[in-house]
Structures are given as structure tokens and as C-alpha cells.
Amino acid sequence: MSRNTLQRFVYSLITVLITVSAFIFYSVYVVEWQTWTEIYAQWGLYMFWTILPIRVIFLIEAVCALTLAILYWPVAFRLARGVFDPSKNHPMLFESAIICSTVCLMCPSMSLLASIFYYPYADWFSILNLLAMWFKLVCYNLPFAFFSQMFFVQPFMRRIINVIFPKNVENRKTIHKEEKWNTRPQDEIDAIADVLKRMDELEKELAHEKQLRKAFGGNN
């Protein structure tokens, strides 16, 4: 396993652990309005036709989320690459585009799995009810997923990765600086060329003005 692959795996693992913990709290205490007393009284939460301990539910959701995160990361990168060019746009714009793409992929997928996991099969099953439950969870989870990832989880993860993999971060900064100076965007090159051309024109105009002043006896 290369160092970059290890860094990506550690990044995904820690992100999943934080996100799954936050979503279990959000789903139980905010969406479903269940209290700790109710959870303790029934020894866990309903899942797969039975009551499971929270640690088991956490493990199941974490494994599913980590698998999807690893599978979706290349897709999210390509989607972000289709909108922003890493060599021309600011890195924060490109990272934000990756976060948005990942949320748009992960949220519906995890909400669908949650609809299947937590559907009350003991009552009766209907595919329309399952789809309605899926749509409801997406409406609840998408805003929370976007704002938590954009403003809390991902900034925290960048600091963690900088501490765990400082050498990779320095190498990436060095490469970015070299690319910034060695490969300029075409529009920047054209702008610099226009400035240099205008400077040459101004020098010619100044030289012509000096010649006119000398011709008419001016001192300059």
C-alpha cells in the first residue's frame, strides 16, 4: 500500500467514524425524538426485525459508509474535475467541489440503506412506503450532511491529516508551488503579454514625445 493510498484510507476511516457517530445522534435524538431512557429500556435500537445494541448498529453503518466512501471517492473526484481545474482554480474550490460531490453520492445511498435496515417489516411491507421513507431520510439528512461536512468535519480532518502525515502535506505544497510557477494558465499568460505590449507602446510614446520637445527647443 502506497503512502497516498494509506493517507486516503485513514482519511476516509476517521471521517466515517465521526460522521456515523454524528448521524446516529442526529437520527435518534433529533429526527426520531428518542431519549436515552427509552433506548436503555429496550436495550438498543430497532434494526433488521429486532433490537440491536447501539455499538452493533454503529459497526454495521460504519462498514457500509467506509465501503461507499472508498468506492465513491474516484467518482466524486471526476465530478469535481469536470467543474474545476486543480491547476487553475484555488485548491479550496476544488476541495469544496469534492465535498459537495461526495455528499450528493453518499447521502442518498446511506439513506437508502437506512430505509432498508430500519423499515418496520413486522407491520407490513410496501415498496411505496420504502421509497417514501427513503425520500424522507434524504430530506432530513442532506442539509445536515452538507453543513456538517463543509464547516466542521472536513476542516477538522485537514488538521488531523496534517498532524498524521506532515511529510505528504509538505510534498504536496512543494509540488503545488512548482506547478504554480512553471505552468501558468493560458489566460494569465495572455494577460502578462498584453501588459508587456502596453509597456512597450508607452515607452515608444514617451520617446516620441521627448523627440518632439527637443525639436521645439524644450528641455527634458
Protein backbone atom coordinates (compact mmCIF):
# COMPACT_ATOMS: atom_id res chain seq x y z
CA MET A 1 0.00 0.00 0.00
CA SER A 2 1.46 3.33 -1.08
CA ARG A 3 1.64 6.26 1.30
CA ASN A 4 -1.01 8.22 -0.63
CA THR A 5 -3.36 5.22 -0.55
CA LEU A 6 -2.76 4.82 3.18
CA GLN A 7 -3.44 8.51 3.71
CA ARG A 8 -6.69 8.29 1.73
CA PHE A 9 -7.79 5.21 3.71
CA VAL A 10 -7.01 6.82 7.08
CA TYR A 11 -8.77 9.99 5.95
CA SER A 12 -11.88 8.04 4.92
CA LEU A 13 -11.84 5.89 8.08
CA ILE A 14 -11.67 8.79 10.53
CA THR A 15 -14.23 10.76 8.52
CA VAL A 16 -16.63 7.80 8.58
CA LEU A 17 -16.21 7.26 12.32
CA ILE A 18 -17.01 10.91 13.04
CA THR A 19 -19.86 11.11 10.53
CA VAL A 20 -21.58 7.87 11.57
CA SER A 21 -21.42 8.89 15.23
CA ALA A 22 -22.94 12.28 14.40
CA PHE A 23 -25.67 10.74 12.26
CA ILE A 24 -26.68 8.19 14.89
CA PHE A 25 -27.04 11.01 17.41
CA TYR A 26 -28.88 13.16 14.86
CA SER A 27 -31.26 10.38 13.77
CA VAL A 28 -32.06 9.13 17.27
CA TYR A 29 -32.27 12.32 19.29
CA VAL A 30 -33.28 14.90 16.66
CA VAL A 31 -35.28 13.11 13.95
CA GLU A 32 -36.91 10.33 15.98
CA TRP A 33 -37.04 12.21 19.31
CA GLN A 34 -35.95 9.15 21.30
CA THR A 35 -34.42 9.67 24.73
CA TRP A 36 -31.58 7.76 26.34
CA THR A 37 -34.08 6.34 28.84
CA GLU A 38 -36.13 4.78 26.04
CA ILE A 39 -33.03 3.35 24.34
CA TYR A 40 -31.73 1.93 27.62
CA ALA A 41 -35.14 0.43 28.47
CA GLN A 42 -35.29 -1.53 25.21
CA TRP A 43 -31.54 -2.38 25.25
CA GLY A 44 -30.80 -0.76 21.92
CA LEU A 45 -32.49 0.29 18.67
CA TYR A 46 -34.69 -1.46 16.16
CA MET A 47 -32.81 -2.83 13.16
CA PHE A 48 -33.26 -5.93 10.99
CA TRP A 49 -36.54 -7.03 12.60
CA THR A 50 -35.02 -6.98 16.08
CA ILE A 51 -33.42 -4.79 18.75
CA LEU A 52 -29.65 -4.41 18.42
CA PRO A 53 -27.17 -2.64 20.73
CA ILE A 54 -26.01 0.75 19.53
CA ARG A 55 -22.41 -0.46 19.19
CA VAL A 56 -23.55 -3.15 16.71
CA ILE A 57 -25.59 -0.61 14.75
CA PHE A 58 -22.59 1.72 14.72
CA LEU A 59 -20.34 -1.06 13.40
CA ILE A 60 -22.77 -2.01 10.61
CA GLU A 61 -23.26 1.57 9.46
CA ALA A 62 -19.54 2.34 9.70
CA VAL A 63 -18.63 -0.64 7.49
CA CYS A 64 -21.25 0.34 4.90
CA ALA A 65 -20.21 4.01 4.94
CA LEU A 66 -16.50 3.20 4.66
CA THR A 67 -17.12 0.88 1.71
CA LEU A 68 -19.19 3.50 -0.10
CA ALA A 69 -16.67 6.26 0.70
CA ILE A 70 -13.84 4.26 -0.86
CA LEU A 71 -15.93 3.39 -3.92
CA TYR A 72 -17.31 6.90 -4.41
CA TRP A 73 -14.11 8.89 -3.93
CA PRO A 74 -12.85 8.45 -7.55
CA VAL A 75 -16.33 9.30 -8.83
CA ALA A 76 -16.51 12.43 -6.66
CA PHE A 77 -13.05 13.45 -7.85
CA ARG A 78 -14.07 13.12 -11.51
CA LEU A 79 -17.28 15.10 -10.90
CA ALA A 80 -15.31 17.89 -9.22
CA ARG A 81 -12.71 17.78 -12.01
CA GLY A 82 -15.49 18.34 -14.54
CA VAL A 83 -16.34 21.68 -12.91
CA PHE A 84 -13.00 22.96 -11.59
CA ASP A 85 -9.46 22.55 -12.87
CA PRO A 86 -6.98 21.92 -9.98
CA SER A 87 -4.17 23.60 -11.95
CA LYS A 88 -6.14 26.84 -12.49
CA ASN A 89 -8.63 27.18 -9.62
CA HIS A 90 -7.92 27.71 -5.94
CA PRO A 91 -7.43 24.40 -4.03
CA MET A 92 -10.25 25.27 -1.62
CA LEU A 93 -12.71 25.50 -4.52
CA PHE A 94 -11.66 22.09 -5.77
CA GLU A 95 -11.85 20.54 -2.28
CA SER A 96 -15.29 22.08 -1.75
CA ALA A 97 -16.45 20.60 -5.05
CA ILE A 98 -15.22 17.16 -3.95
CA ILE A 99 -17.09 17.53 -0.63
CA CYS A 100 -20.32 18.51 -2.41
CA SER A 101 -19.98 15.61 -4.87
CA THR A 102 -19.30 13.14 -2.06
CA VAL A 103 -22.30 14.34 -0.04
CA CYS A 104 -24.57 14.11 -3.10
CA LEU A 105 -23.44 10.50 -3.62
CA MET A 106 -23.20 9.31 -0.02
CA CYS A 107 -26.36 10.83 1.42
CA PRO A 108 -28.91 9.13 -0.91
CA SER A 109 -27.01 5.83 -0.74
CA MET A 110 -26.77 5.73 3.07
CA SER A 111 -30.38 6.92 3.37
CA LEU A 112 -31.50 4.05 1.13
CA LEU A 113 -29.57 1.56 3.25
CA ALA A 114 -31.05 3.09 6.40
CA SER A 115 -34.55 2.74 4.92
CA ILE A 116 -33.89 -0.94 4.30
CA PHE A 117 -32.26 -1.51 7.69
CA TYR A 118 -34.87 0.29 9.80
CA TYR A 119 -38.05 -0.44 7.86
CA PRO A 120 -40.80 -1.84 10.18
CA TYR A 121 -41.12 -5.19 8.45
CA ALA A 122 -43.15 -6.59 11.37
CA ASP A 123 -46.12 -4.40 10.41
CA TRP A 124 -46.31 -4.78 6.63
CA PHE A 125 -44.08 -4.14 3.65
CA SER A 126 -44.78 -1.82 0.76
CA ILE A 127 -42.31 -0.63 -1.82
CA LEU A 128 -44.07 2.75 -1.92
CA ASN A 129 -43.65 3.12 1.84
CA LEU A 130 -39.98 2.19 1.50
CA LEU A 131 -39.46 4.83 -1.20
CA ALA A 132 -41.35 7.41 0.87
CA MET A 133 -39.17 6.58 3.89
CA TRP A 134 -36.07 6.92 1.70
CA PHE A 135 -37.19 10.32 0.41
CA LYS A 136 -37.95 11.47 3.96
CA LEU A 137 -34.50 10.44 5.19
CA VAL A 138 -32.80 12.20 2.26
CA CYS A 139 -34.70 15.41 3.08
CA TYR A 140 -33.63 15.14 6.73
CA ASN A 141 -30.05 14.01 6.16
CA LEU A 142 -28.90 16.07 3.16
CA PRO A 143 -28.79 19.50 4.88
CA PHE A 144 -27.15 18.04 7.97
CA ALA A 145 -24.61 16.11 5.87
CA PHE A 146 -23.70 19.12 3.74
CA PHE A 147 -23.23 21.68 6.52
CA SER A 148 -21.53 19.28 8.93
CA GLN A 149 -19.05 18.11 6.28
CA MET A 150 -18.38 21.54 4.82
CA PHE A 151 -17.91 23.51 8.03
CA PHE A 152 -16.96 21.01 10.74
CA VAL A 153 -15.84 17.52 9.69
CA GLN A 154 -13.64 18.35 6.69
CA PRO A 155 -11.80 21.33 8.29
CA PHE A 156 -11.16 19.14 11.33
CA MET A 157 -9.96 16.28 9.11
CA ARG A 158 -7.49 18.53 7.27
CA ARG A 159 -5.87 19.40 10.58
CA ILE A 160 -5.75 15.75 11.63
CA ILE A 161 -4.14 14.67 8.34
CA ASN A 162 -1.59 17.49 8.62
CA VAL A 163 -0.58 16.07 12.00
CA ILE A 164 -0.56 12.37 10.96
CA PHE A 165 1.04 12.83 7.52
CA PRO A 166 3.13 16.04 7.70
CA LYS A 167 5.61 14.83 5.04
CA ASN A 168 2.89 14.21 2.45
CA VAL A 169 1.41 17.63 3.11
CA GLU A 170 4.79 19.36 2.63
CA ASN A 171 5.45 17.42 -0.57
CA ARG A 172 2.03 18.42 -1.91
CA LYS A 173 2.67 22.07 -1.08
CA THR A 174 6.06 21.94 -2.83
CA ILE A 175 4.57 20.35 -5.94
CA HIS A 176 1.77 22.90 -5.97
CA LYS A 177 4.26 25.80 -5.78
CA GLU A 178 6.35 24.37 -8.61
CA GLU A 179 3.28 23.84 -10.78
CA LYS A 180 2.08 27.34 -9.96
CA TRP A 181 5.32 28.93 -11.19
CA ASN A 182 6.12 26.54 -14.04
CA THR A 183 2.68 26.02 -15.58
CA ARG A 184 0.66 29.22 -15.74
CA PRO A 185 -2.88 29.24 -17.13
CA GLN A 186 -3.22 30.47 -20.70
CA ASP A 187 -5.39 33.43 -19.71
CA GLU A 188 -2.70 34.58 -17.26
CA ILE A 189 -0.05 34.29 -19.97
CA ASP A 190 -2.20 36.35 -22.34
CA ALA A 191 -2.74 38.99 -19.64
CA ILE A 192 1.01 39.26 -18.98
CA ALA A 193 1.66 39.53 -22.71
CA ASP A 194 -0.87 42.37 -23.01
CA VAL A 195 0.77 44.24 -20.12
CA LEU A 196 4.24 43.90 -21.67
CA LYS A 197 2.91 45.03 -25.05
CA ARG A 198 1.28 48.08 -23.47
CA MET A 199 4.53 48.93 -21.64
CA ASP A 200 6.41 48.85 -24.98
CA GLU A 201 3.83 51.16 -26.52
CA LEU A 202 4.13 53.61 -23.61
CA GLU A 203 7.93 53.65 -23.93
CA LYS A 204 7.65 54.42 -27.64
CA GLU A 205 5.17 57.23 -26.95
CA LEU A 206 7.47 58.72 -24.29
CA ALA A 207 10.46 58.53 -26.63
CA HIS A 208 8.45 60.23 -29.40
CA GLU A 209 7.34 62.98 -27.01
CA LYS A 210 10.95 63.62 -25.96
CA GLN A 211 11.98 63.97 -29.59
CA LEU A 212 9.19 66.49 -30.21
CA ARG A 213 10.22 68.57 -27.20
CA LYS A 214 13.84 68.61 -28.33
CA ALA A 215 12.74 69.61 -31.83
CA PHE A 216 10.85 72.62 -30.49
CA GLY A 217 13.64 73.62 -28.14
CA GLY A 218 12.20 72.13 -24.95
CA ASN A 219 14.43 70.89 -22.16
CA ASN A 220 13.73 67.37 -20.85
